[in-house]
Protein backbone atom coordinates (compact mmCIF):
# COMPACT_ATOMS: atom_id res chain seq x y z
CA MET A 1 -7.09 2.18 -46.33
CA SER A 2 -7.04 -1.42 -44.92
CA GLY A 3 -6.85 -1.05 -41.90
CA ASP A 4 -9.19 -3.29 -38.91
CA VAL A 5 -12.77 -1.93 -37.41
CA VAL A 6 -11.81 -1.16 -33.97
CA ASN A 7 -15.42 -0.66 -30.97
CA LEU A 8 -13.90 1.71 -29.03
CA ARG A 9 -15.76 0.58 -25.52
CA MET A 10 -14.22 -2.59 -25.48
CA ALA A 11 -10.49 -1.03 -25.95
CA ARG A 12 -11.43 1.16 -23.14
CA LYS A 13 -12.90 -0.92 -21.29
CA ARG A 14 -9.91 -3.69 -21.85
CA ARG A 15 -7.46 -0.78 -20.77
CA ASP A 16 -9.34 -0.12 -17.33
CA ARG A 17 -9.78 -3.75 -16.57
CA ALA A 18 -5.65 -3.68 -18.07
CA ALA A 19 -4.99 -1.08 -15.67
CA LYS A 20 -6.90 -2.37 -12.81
CA GLU A 21 -5.80 -5.60 -11.92
CA ALA A 22 -2.34 -3.93 -12.51
CA ASP A 23 -3.39 -2.09 -9.35
CA ALA A 24 -4.71 -5.00 -7.94
CA GLU A 25 -1.61 -6.91 -8.21
CA ARG A 26 0.56 -4.26 -6.57
CA ASN A 27 -2.07 -4.56 -3.97
CA ARG A 28 -1.93 -8.18 -3.31
CA PHE A 29 2.07 -8.25 -2.43
CA GLU A 30 1.70 -4.79 -0.41
CA HIS A 31 -1.48 -6.21 1.81
CA GLY A 32 -1.88 -10.26 0.31
CA ARG A 33 0.67 -11.27 3.57
CA SER A 34 -0.67 -13.31 6.71
CA LYS A 35 -0.78 -11.92 10.93
CA ALA A 36 1.92 -15.30 11.13
CA GLU A 37 3.60 -13.60 7.76
CA ARG A 38 3.76 -10.08 8.60
CA GLU A 39 4.74 -11.43 12.21
CA LEU A 40 7.72 -13.16 11.38
CA ALA A 41 9.13 -10.85 9.23
CA ARG A 42 8.84 -8.20 11.86
CA ALA A 43 11.05 -10.24 14.71
CA ARG A 44 13.80 -11.56 12.01
CA ASN A 45 14.00 -8.12 11.17
CA GLU A 46 14.19 -7.33 15.00
CA LYS A 47 15.98 -9.72 15.69
CA ALA A 48 18.54 -8.81 13.26
CA ALA A 49 18.12 -4.93 14.35
CA ARG A 50 19.89 -6.66 17.75
CA GLU A 51 22.66 -8.36 16.34
CA HIS A 52 23.53 -5.15 14.79
CA ASP A 53 23.81 -3.68 17.77
CA ALA A 54 25.67 -5.99 19.83
CA SER A 55 28.26 -6.05 17.62
CA ARG A 56 29.71 -2.54 17.32
CA ARG A 57 32.78 -1.75 19.46
CA GLU A 58 32.94 1.38 22.42
CA PRO A 59 34.20 4.01 21.24
CA ASP A 60 37.43 3.94 23.56
CA ASN A 61 37.57 7.63 25.60
CA GLY A 62 41.37 8.51 25.53
CA SER A 63 42.26 5.94 28.30
CA SER A 64 46.07 5.72 27.34
């Protein structure tokens, strides 16, 4: 029997810290943008939608 002795309390705390850090990283990605960055992204999305709608072709109503 040559296994290492593991303090379960410390191992549990280490595991919990790693889980909290993963959650924090996810939240930083989702909510970590400044107001200017959010507004810029919104403006770009709106512009792309307008350009997409403007390039649509109107259906021909069968006039021959």
